[in-house]
Every structure is written in C-alpha cells, then in structure tokens.
Amino acid sequence: MYCQNRWGIKPANIRLVEYNLLSDQKAEFTITEGEIEDTTSRIKGSVADMRSLLLDVDNNIPKDEKFFKRIEDDRIRDKCNFKKICDL
C-alpha cells in the first residue's frame, strides 16, 4: 500500500517476498488492486473501532470499562498483550 500511495506503483509491479529464517524458505506473492483496497478498508475499520472506544481521541483517554467486551475464547486471549488487565 505504501509503494502504491507514495510512488504510484501498480500492484502488478509489486512483488511480496516472505522469508522464513527458521526454515530458510522463501515464498513470493503478487497482490491485486482489490486486495489492497480490502486491506485498506480493514485497517480503516479497525482504526475506527479503536477510536470509538476513546472518550477523548486527541488525548487517548478511553471510555469506561463497561464499553470493552471481554473475550472468552482462550485461543484469542492467550495471544493478548493485555489479558492481565482482564484477569484483575
């Protein structure tokens, strides 16, 4: 997305390379305009969701705790950096 926005590079000219150091394997991918648009939409939606939980966006002040729903799925909770807060 950055390449396209910054330099106007078309998706057909962008090559994505994933390199796994542990297994010493490389995988290459291409991306379409639609995938870039979908990703941009998901990012914007995620930002909007996070901002909606702020009482004061400019000062990063959250709304009351009751606006934050607790995730009960342990598979998701195990990866959360803030689970200690939920366990209080």
PDB file of N, CA and C in Angstrom:
ATOM      1  N   MET A   1       0.836  -1.177   0.000  1.00  0.00           N
ATOM      2  CA  MET A   1       0.000   0.000   0.000  1.00  0.00           C
ATOM      3  C   MET A   1       0.886   1.248   0.000  1.00  0.00           C
ATOM      4  N   TYR A   2       1.956   1.184   0.773  1.00  0.00           N
ATOM      5  CA  TYR A   2       2.833   2.351   0.853  1.00  0.00           C
ATOM      6  C   TYR A   2       3.443   2.650  -0.514  1.00  0.00           C
ATOM      7  N   CYS A   3       3.927   1.625  -1.196  1.00  0.00           N
ATOM      8  CA  CYS A   3       4.537   1.824  -2.516  1.00  0.00           C
ATOM      9  C   CYS A   3       3.552   2.448  -3.490  1.00  0.00           C
ATOM     10  N   GLN A   4       2.332   1.964  -3.434  1.00  0.00           N
ATOM     11  CA  GLN A   4       1.316   2.470  -4.348  1.00  0.00           C
ATOM     12  C   GLN A   4       0.990   3.926  -4.027  1.00  0.00           C
ATOM     13  N   ASN A   5       0.811   4.244  -2.759  1.00  0.00           N
ATOM     14  CA  ASN A   5       0.472   5.618  -2.371  1.00  0.00           C
ATOM     15  C   ASN A   5       1.648   6.571  -2.548  1.00  0.00           C
ATOM     16  N   ARG A   6       2.816   6.148  -2.166  1.00  0.00           N
ATOM     17  CA  ARG A   6       3.983   7.037  -2.169  1.00  0.00           C
ATOM     18  C   ARG A   6       4.518   7.277  -3.579  1.00  0.00           C
ATOM     19  N   TRP A   7       4.639   6.200  -4.334  1.00  0.00           N
ATOM     20  CA  TRP A   7       5.286   6.316  -5.643  1.00  0.00           C
ATOM     21  C   TRP A   7       4.389   5.968  -6.823  1.00  0.00           C
ATOM     22  N   GLY A   8       3.131   5.630  -6.569  1.00  0.00           N
ATOM     23  CA  GLY A   8       2.205   5.317  -7.644  1.00  0.00           C
ATOM     24  C   GLY A   8       2.496   3.999  -8.353  1.00  0.00           C
ATOM     25  N   ILE A   9       3.120   3.070  -7.666  1.00  0.00           N
ATOM     26  CA  ILE A   9       3.461   1.778  -8.270  1.00  0.00           C
ATOM     27  C   ILE A   9       2.213   0.902  -8.331  1.00  0.00           C
ATOM     28  N   LYS A  10       1.964   0.330  -9.477  1.00  0.00           N
ATOM     29  CA  LYS A  10       0.792  -0.525  -9.688  1.00  0.00           C
ATOM     30  C   LYS A  10       0.998  -1.884  -9.009  1.00  0.00           C
ATOM     31  N   PRO A  11      -0.081  -2.486  -8.505  1.00  0.00           N
ATOM     32  CA  PRO A  11       0.037  -3.790  -7.850  1.00  0.00           C
ATOM     33  C   PRO A  11       0.722  -4.853  -8.702  1.00  0.00           C
ATOM     34  N   ALA A  12       0.515  -4.820  -9.995  1.00  0.00           N
ATOM     35  CA  ALA A  12       1.146  -5.810 -10.874  1.00  0.00           C
ATOM     36  C   ALA A  12       2.668  -5.722 -10.828  1.00  0.00           C
ATOM     37  N   ASN A  13       3.192  -4.574 -10.424  1.00  0.00           N
ATOM     38  CA  ASN A  13       4.637  -4.381 -10.360  1.00  0.00           C
ATOM     39  C   ASN A  13       5.203  -4.552  -8.942  1.00  0.00           C
ATOM     40  N   ILE A  14       4.357  -4.999  -8.034  1.00  0.00           N
ATOM     41  CA  ILE A  14       4.797  -5.204  -6.651  1.00  0.00           C
ATOM     42  C   ILE A  14       4.948  -6.703  -6.411  1.00  0.00           C
ATOM     43  N   ARG A  15       6.093  -7.076  -5.896  1.00  0.00           N
ATOM     44  CA  ARG A  15       6.358  -8.480  -5.574  1.00  0.00           C
ATOM     45  C   ARG A  15       6.557  -8.577  -4.065  1.00  0.00           C
ATOM     46  N   LEU A  16       5.739  -9.394  -3.429  1.00  0.00           N
ATOM     47  CA  LEU A  16       5.844  -9.600  -1.994  1.00  0.00           C
ATOM     48  C   LEU A  16       6.696 -10.838  -1.744  1.00  0.00           C
ATOM     49  N   VAL A  17       7.668 -10.698  -0.862  1.00  0.00           N
ATOM     50  CA  VAL A  17       8.547 -11.815  -0.549  1.00  0.00           C
ATOM     51  C   VAL A  17       8.491 -12.075   0.954  1.00  0.00           C
ATOM     52  N   GLU A  18       8.146 -13.293   1.294  1.00  0.00           N
ATOM     53  CA  GLU A  18       8.128 -13.736   2.693  1.00  0.00           C
ATOM     54  C   GLU A  18       9.297 -14.687   2.871  1.00  0.00           C
ATOM     55  N   TYR A  19      10.143 -14.376   3.838  1.00  0.00           N
ATOM     56  CA  TYR A  19      11.295 -15.243   4.069  1.00  0.00           C
ATOM     57  C   TYR A  19      11.265 -15.731   5.499  1.00  0.00           C
ATOM     58  N   ASN A  20      11.270 -17.046   5.666  1.00  0.00           N
ATOM     59  CA  ASN A  20      11.253 -17.663   6.981  1.00  0.00           C
ATOM     60  C   ASN A  20      12.683 -18.037   7.347  1.00  0.00           C
ATOM     61  N   LEU A  21      13.253 -17.302   8.300  1.00  0.00           N
ATOM     62  CA  LEU A  21      14.634 -17.542   8.697  1.00  0.00           C
ATOM     63  C   LEU A  21      14.817 -18.901   9.363  1.00  0.00           C
ATOM     64  N   LEU A  22      13.841 -19.311  10.136  1.00  0.00           N
ATOM     65  CA  LEU A  22      13.943 -20.573  10.860  1.00  0.00           C
ATOM     66  C   LEU A  22      14.047 -21.767   9.913  1.00  0.00           C
ATOM     67  N   SER A  23      13.224 -21.765   8.866  1.00  0.00           N
ATOM     68  CA  SER A  23      13.228 -22.906   7.935  1.00  0.00           C
ATOM     69  C   SER A  23      14.023 -22.621   6.664  1.00  0.00           C
ATOM     70  N   ASP A  24      14.556 -21.402   6.547  1.00  0.00           N
ATOM     71  CA  ASP A  24      15.335 -20.997   5.369  1.00  0.00           C
ATOM     72  C   ASP A  24      14.526 -21.194   4.077  1.00  0.00           C
ATOM     73  N   GLN A  25      13.262 -20.760   4.120  1.00  0.00           N
ATOM     74  CA  GLN A  25      12.393 -20.881   2.949  1.00  0.00           C
ATOM     75  C   GLN A  25      11.865 -19.522   2.541  1.00  0.00           C
ATOM     76  N   LYS A  26      11.735 -19.371   1.239  1.00  0.00           N
ATOM     77  CA  LYS A  26      11.233 -18.123   0.670  1.00  0.00           C
ATOM     78  C   LYS A  26       9.954 -18.409  -0.099  1.00  0.00           C
ATOM     79  N   ALA A  27       8.984 -17.500   0.035  1.00  0.00           N
ATOM     80  CA  ALA A  27       7.746 -17.607  -0.738  1.00  0.00           C
ATOM     81  C   ALA A  27       7.469 -16.233  -1.341  1.00  0.00           C
ATOM     82  N   GLU A  28       7.081 -16.227  -2.611  1.00  0.00           N
ATOM     83  CA  GLU A  28       6.789 -14.966  -3.296  1.00  0.00           C
ATOM     84  C   GLU A  28       5.314 -14.913  -3.659  1.00  0.00           C
ATOM     85  N   PHE A  29       4.765 -13.693  -3.587  1.00  0.00           N
ATOM     86  CA  PHE A  29       3.348 -13.491  -3.855  1.00  0.00           C
ATOM     87  C   PHE A  29       3.169 -12.244  -4.703  1.00  0.00           C
ATOM     88  N   THR A  30       2.025 -12.180  -5.340  1.00  0.00           N
ATOM     89  CA  THR A  30       1.611 -10.950  -6.007  1.00  0.00           C
ATOM     90  C   THR A  30       0.352 -10.475  -5.298  1.00  0.00           C
ATOM     91  N   ILE A  31      -0.030  -9.252  -5.575  1.00  0.00           N
ATOM     92  CA  ILE A  31      -1.203  -8.675  -4.930  1.00  0.00           C
ATOM     93  C   ILE A  31      -2.029  -7.950  -5.983  1.00  0.00           C
ATOM     94  N   THR A  32      -3.334  -7.931  -5.772  1.00  0.00           N
ATOM     95  CA  THR A  32      -4.205  -7.252  -6.727  1.00  0.00           C
ATOM     96  C   THR A  32      -4.686  -5.921  -6.146  1.00  0.00           C
ATOM     97  N   GLU A  33      -5.210  -5.100  -6.998  1.00  0.00           N
ATOM     98  CA  GLU A  33      -5.787  -3.820  -6.569  1.00  0.00           C
ATOM     99  C   GLU A  33      -6.901  -4.059  -5.549  1.00  0.00           C
ATOM    100  N   GLY A  34      -7.711  -5.083  -5.805  1.00  0.00           N
ATOM    101  CA  GLY A  34      -8.801  -5.416  -4.896  1.00  0.00           C
ATOM    102  C   GLY A  34      -8.301  -5.820  -3.511  1.00  0.00           C
ATOM    103  N   GLU A  35      -7.216  -6.567  -3.455  1.00  0.00           N
ATOM    104  CA  GLU A  35      -6.654  -6.970  -2.163  1.00  0.00           C
ATOM    105  C   GLU A  35      -6.118  -5.757  -1.404  1.00  0.00           C
ATOM    106  N   ILE A  36      -5.525  -4.819  -2.113  1.00  0.00           N
ATOM    107  CA  ILE A  36      -5.044  -3.592  -1.478  1.00  0.00           C
ATOM    108  C   ILE A  36      -6.229  -2.795  -0.938  1.00  0.00           C
ATOM    109  N   GLU A  37      -7.289  -2.674  -1.728  1.00  0.00           N
ATOM    110  CA  GLU A  37      -8.483  -1.954  -1.283  1.00  0.00           C
ATOM    111  C   GLU A  37      -9.114  -2.626  -0.070  1.00  0.00           C
ATOM    112  N   ASP A  38      -9.198  -3.977  -0.086  1.00  0.00           N
ATOM    113  CA  ASP A  38      -9.757  -4.714   1.044  1.00  0.00           C
ATOM    114  C   ASP A  38      -8.930  -4.509   2.308  1.00  0.00           C
ATOM    115  N   THR A  39      -7.622  -4.563   2.164  1.00  0.00           N
ATOM    116  CA  THR A  39      -6.726  -4.377   3.305  1.00  0.00           C
ATOM    117  C   THR A  39      -6.849  -2.964   3.850  1.00  0.00           C
ATOM    118  N   THR A  40      -6.902  -1.984   2.960  1.00  0.00           N
ATOM    119  CA  THR A  40      -7.063  -0.590   3.383  1.00  0.00           C
ATOM    120  C   THR A  40      -8.370  -0.410   4.147  1.00  0.00           C
ATOM    121  N   SER A  41      -9.435  -1.011   3.648  1.00  0.00           N
ATOM    122  CA  SER A  41     -10.742  -0.928   4.316  1.00  0.00           C
ATOM    123  C   SER A  41     -10.709  -1.572   5.696  1.00  0.00           C
ATOM    124  N   ARG A  42     -10.040  -2.721   5.800  1.00  0.00           N
ATOM    125  CA  ARG A  42      -9.946  -3.410   7.097  1.00  0.00           C
ATOM    126  C   ARG A  42      -9.158  -2.571   8.091  1.00  0.00           C
ATOM    127  N   ILE A  43      -8.070  -1.960   7.640  1.00  0.00           N
ATOM    128  CA  ILE A  43      -7.272  -1.119   8.527  1.00  0.00           C
ATOM    129  C   ILE A  43      -8.088   0.080   8.990  1.00  0.00           C
ATOM    130  N   LYS A  44      -8.766   0.745   8.052  1.00  0.00           N
ATOM    131  CA  LYS A  44      -9.584   1.904   8.413  1.00  0.00           C
ATOM    132  C   LYS A  44     -10.703   1.516   9.372  1.00  0.00           C
ATOM    133  N   GLY A  45     -11.314   0.353   9.144  1.00  0.00           N
ATOM    134  CA  GLY A  45     -12.365  -0.134  10.035  1.00  0.00           C
ATOM    135  C   GLY A  45     -11.828  -0.422  11.428  1.00  0.00           C
ATOM    136  N   SER A  46     -10.645  -1.016  11.489  1.00  0.00           N
ATOM    137  CA  SER A  46     -10.030  -1.323  12.774  1.00  0.00           C
ATOM    138  C   SER A  46      -9.698  -0.050  13.540  1.00  0.00           C
ATOM    139  N   VAL A  47      -9.170   0.938  12.840  1.00  0.00           N
ATOM    140  CA  VAL A  47      -8.858   2.223  13.470  1.00  0.00           C
ATOM    141  C   VAL A  47     -10.138   2.874  13.990  1.00  0.00           C
ATOM    142  N   ALA A  48     -11.182   2.842  13.185  1.00  0.00           N
ATOM    143  CA  ALA A  48     -12.464   3.425  13.611  1.00  0.00           C
ATOM    144  C   ALA A  48     -13.001   2.711  14.848  1.00  0.00           C
ATOM    145  N   ASP A  49     -12.884   1.377  14.873  1.00  0.00           N
ATOM    146  CA  ASP A  49     -13.340   0.610  16.034  1.00  0.00           C
ATOM    147  C   ASP A  49     -12.570   1.017  17.290  1.00  0.00           C
ATOM    148  N   MET A  50     -11.258   1.145  17.159  1.00  0.00           N
ATOM    149  CA  MET A  50     -10.441   1.523  18.307  1.00  0.00           C
ATOM    150  C   MET A  50     -10.752   2.942  18.770  1.00  0.00           C
ATOM    151  N   ARG A  51     -10.898   3.841  17.815  1.00  0.00           N
ATOM    152  CA  ARG A  51     -11.209   5.233  18.167  1.00  0.00           C
ATOM    153  C   ARG A  51     -12.576   5.360  18.829  1.00  0.00           C
ATOM    154  N   SER A  52     -13.502   4.475  18.456  1.00  0.00           N
ATOM    155  CA  SER A  52     -14.844   4.543  19.038  1.00  0.00           C
ATOM    156  C   SER A  52     -14.834   4.214  20.530  1.00  0.00           C
ATOM    157  N   LEU A  53     -13.758   3.613  21.009  1.00  0.00           N
ATOM    158  CA  LEU A  53     -13.640   3.267  22.424  1.00  0.00           C
ATOM    159  C   LEU A  53     -12.909   4.337  23.226  1.00  0.00           C
ATOM    160  N   LEU A  54     -12.633   5.463  22.574  1.00  0.00           N
ATOM    161  CA  LEU A  54     -11.964   6.562  23.265  1.00  0.00           C
ATOM    162  C   LEU A  54     -12.961   7.658  23.606  1.00  0.00           C
ATOM    163  N   LEU A  55     -12.873   8.124  24.820  1.00  0.00           N
ATOM    164  CA  LEU A  55     -13.667   9.252  25.268  1.00  0.00           C
ATOM    165  C   LEU A  55     -13.098  10.538  24.688  1.00  0.00           C
ATOM    166  N   ASP A  56     -11.771  10.613  24.676  1.00  0.00           N
ATOM    167  CA  ASP A  56     -11.048  11.770  24.147  1.00  0.00           C
ATOM    168  C   ASP A  56      -9.965  11.254  23.211  1.00  0.00           C
ATOM    169  N   VAL A  57     -10.222  11.334  21.912  1.00  0.00           N
ATOM    170  CA  VAL A  57      -9.303  10.797  20.910  1.00  0.00           C
ATOM    171  C   VAL A  57      -7.957  11.515  20.947  1.00  0.00           C
ATOM    172  N   ASP A  58      -7.970  12.829  21.028  1.00  0.00           N
ATOM    173  CA  ASP A  58      -6.727  13.596  20.991  1.00  0.00           C
ATOM    174  C   ASP A  58      -5.785  13.260  22.144  1.00  0.00           C
ATOM    175  N   ASN A  59      -6.351  12.953  23.292  1.00  0.00           N
ATOM    176  CA  ASN A  59      -5.533  12.651  24.468  1.00  0.00           C
ATOM    177  C   ASN A  59      -5.488  11.162  24.802  1.00  0.00           C
ATOM    178  N   ASN A  60      -6.049  10.343  23.917  1.00  0.00           N
ATOM    179  CA  ASN A  60      -6.029   8.883  24.058  1.00  0.00           C
ATOM    180  C   ASN A  60      -6.622   8.433  25.403  1.00  0.00           C
ATOM    181  N   ILE A  61      -7.750   9.006  25.761  1.00  0.00           N
ATOM    182  CA  ILE A  61      -8.418   8.664  27.014  1.00  0.00           C
ATOM    183  C   ILE A  61      -9.573   7.712  26.701  1.00  0.00           C
ATOM    184  N   PRO A  62      -9.524   6.495  27.274  1.00  0.00           N
ATOM    185  CA  PRO A  62     -10.555   5.501  26.953  1.00  0.00           C
ATOM    186  C   PRO A  62     -11.886   5.790  27.631  1.00  0.00           C
ATOM    187  N   LYS A  63     -12.924   5.198  27.051  1.00  0.00           N
ATOM    188  CA  LYS A  63     -14.242   5.221  27.684  1.00  0.00           C
ATOM    189  C   LYS A  63     -14.207   4.314  28.907  1.00  0.00           C
ATOM    190  N   ASP A  64     -15.300   4.305  29.637  1.00  0.00           N
ATOM    191  CA  ASP A  64     -15.417   3.470  30.817  1.00  0.00           C
ATOM    192  C   ASP A  64     -15.244   1.993  30.448  1.00  0.00           C
ATOM    193  N   GLU A  65     -14.792   1.221  31.409  1.00  0.00           N
ATOM    194  CA  GLU A  65     -14.517  -0.204  31.224  1.00  0.00           C
ATOM    195  C   GLU A  65     -15.709  -0.979  30.670  1.00  0.00           C
ATOM    196  N   LYS A  66     -16.923  -0.541  30.978  1.00  0.00           N
ATOM    197  CA  LYS A  66     -18.117  -1.271  30.526  1.00  0.00           C
ATOM    198  C   LYS A  66     -18.255  -1.286  29.000  1.00  0.00           C
ATOM    199  N   PHE A  67     -17.556  -0.403  28.295  1.00  0.00           N
ATOM    200  CA  PHE A  67     -17.612  -0.352  26.834  1.00  0.00           C
ATOM    201  C   PHE A  67     -16.692  -1.381  26.171  1.00  0.00           C
ATOM    202  N   PHE A  68     -15.847  -2.025  26.973  1.00  0.00           N
ATOM    203  CA  PHE A  68     -14.898  -3.003  26.455  1.00  0.00           C
ATOM    204  C   PHE A  68     -15.401  -4.402  26.770  1.00  0.00           C
ATOM    205  N   LYS A  69     -15.647  -5.185  25.725  1.00  0.00           N
ATOM    206  CA  LYS A  69     -16.166  -6.526  25.988  1.00  0.00           C
ATOM    207  C   LYS A  69     -15.003  -7.500  26.212  1.00  0.00           C
ATOM    208  N   ARG A  70     -15.225  -8.385  27.123  1.00  0.00           N
ATOM    209  CA  ARG A  70     -14.229  -9.407  27.452  1.00  0.00           C
ATOM    210  C   ARG A  70     -14.335 -10.539  26.435  1.00  0.00           C
ATOM    211  N   ILE A  71     -13.211 -10.971  25.949  1.00  0.00           N
ATOM    212  CA  ILE A  71     -13.152 -12.092  25.009  1.00  0.00           C
ATOM    213  C   ILE A  71     -13.033 -13.381  25.817  1.00  0.00           C
ATOM    214  N   GLU A  72     -13.950 -14.284  25.602  1.00  0.00           N
ATOM    215  CA  GLU A  72     -13.962 -15.536  26.358  1.00  0.00           C
ATOM    216  C   GLU A  72     -13.175 -16.646  25.668  1.00  0.00           C
ATOM    217  N   ASP A  73     -12.903 -16.500  24.393  1.00  0.00           N
ATOM    218  CA  ASP A  73     -12.185 -17.523  23.631  1.00  0.00           C
ATOM    219  C   ASP A  73     -10.715 -17.533  24.055  1.00  0.00           C
ATOM    220  N   ASP A  74     -10.291 -18.605  24.731  1.00  0.00           N
ATOM    221  CA  ASP A  74      -8.917 -18.693  25.235  1.00  0.00           C
ATOM    222  C   ASP A  74      -7.867 -18.645  24.127  1.00  0.00           C
ATOM    223  N   ARG A  75      -8.216 -19.113  22.935  1.00  0.00           N
ATOM    224  CA  ARG A  75      -7.253 -19.065  21.823  1.00  0.00           C
ATOM    225  C   ARG A  75      -6.908 -17.628  21.470  1.00  0.00           C
ATOM    226  N   ILE A  76      -7.873 -16.733  21.588  1.00  0.00           N
ATOM    227  CA  ILE A  76      -7.636 -15.314  21.323  1.00  0.00           C
ATOM    228  C   ILE A  76      -6.990 -14.667  22.542  1.00  0.00           C
ATOM    229  N   ARG A  77      -7.516 -14.959  23.718  1.00  0.00           N
ATOM    230  CA  ARG A  77      -6.988 -14.358  24.949  1.00  0.00           C
ATOM    231  C   ARG A  77      -5.531 -14.709  25.178  1.00  0.00           C
ATOM    232  N   ASP A  78      -5.118 -15.915  24.826  1.00  0.00           N
ATOM    233  CA  ASP A  78      -3.734 -16.334  25.052  1.00  0.00           C
ATOM    234  C   ASP A  78      -2.734 -15.488  24.280  1.00  0.00           C
ATOM    235  N   LYS A  79      -3.173 -14.874  23.210  1.00  0.00           N
ATOM    236  CA  LYS A  79      -2.286 -14.048  22.386  1.00  0.00           C
ATOM    237  C   LYS A  79      -2.361 -12.564  22.750  1.00  0.00           C
ATOM    238  N   CYS A  80      -3.245 -12.217  23.673  1.00  0.00           N
ATOM    239  CA  CYS A  80      -3.480 -10.810  24.001  1.00  0.00           C
ATOM    240  C   CYS A  80      -2.403 -10.268  24.943  1.00  0.00           C
ATOM    241  N   ASN A  81      -1.899  -9.089  24.633  1.00  0.00           N
ATOM    242  CA  ASN A  81      -0.898  -8.438  25.473  1.00  0.00           C
ATOM    243  C   ASN A  81      -1.501  -7.816  26.722  1.00  0.00           C
ATOM    244  N   PHE A  82      -2.824  -7.707  26.785  1.00  0.00           N
ATOM    245  CA  PHE A  82      -3.481  -7.007  27.883  1.00  0.00           C
ATOM    246  C   PHE A  82      -4.327  -7.921  28.756  1.00  0.00           C
ATOM    247  N   LYS A  83      -4.155  -9.231  28.655  1.00  0.00           N
ATOM    248  CA  LYS A  83      -5.015 -10.145  29.397  1.00  0.00           C
ATOM    249  C   LYS A  83      -4.875  -9.991  30.906  1.00  0.00           C
ATOM    250  N   LYS A  84      -3.748  -9.501  31.401  1.00  0.00           N
ATOM    251  CA  LYS A  84      -3.577  -9.304  32.837  1.00  0.00           C
ATOM    252  C   LYS A  84      -4.628  -8.303  33.354  1.00  0.00           C
ATOM    253  N   ILE A  85      -4.984  -7.347  32.531  1.00  0.00           N
ATOM    254  CA  ILE A  85      -5.993  -6.372  32.918  1.00  0.00           C
ATOM    255  C   ILE A  85      -7.340  -7.052  33.102  1.00  0.00           C
ATOM    256  N   CYS A  86      -7.679  -7.956  32.216  1.00  0.00           N
ATOM    257  CA  CYS A  86      -8.965  -8.675  32.296  1.00  0.00           C
ATOM    258  C   CYS A  86      -9.012  -9.586  33.501  1.00  0.00           C
ATOM    259  N   ASP A  87      -7.860 -10.105  33.902  1.00  0.00           N
ATOM    260  CA  ASP A  87      -7.822 -11.078  34.997  1.00  0.00           C
ATOM    261  C   ASP A  87      -7.821 -10.433  36.375  1.00  0.00           C
ATOM    262  N   LEU A  88      -7.831  -9.098  36.426  1.00  0.00           N
ATOM    263  CA  LEU A  88      -7.842  -8.406  37.719  1.00  0.00           C
ATOM    264  C   LEU A  88      -9.141  -8.627  38.446  1.00  0.00           C
TER     265      LEU A  88
END
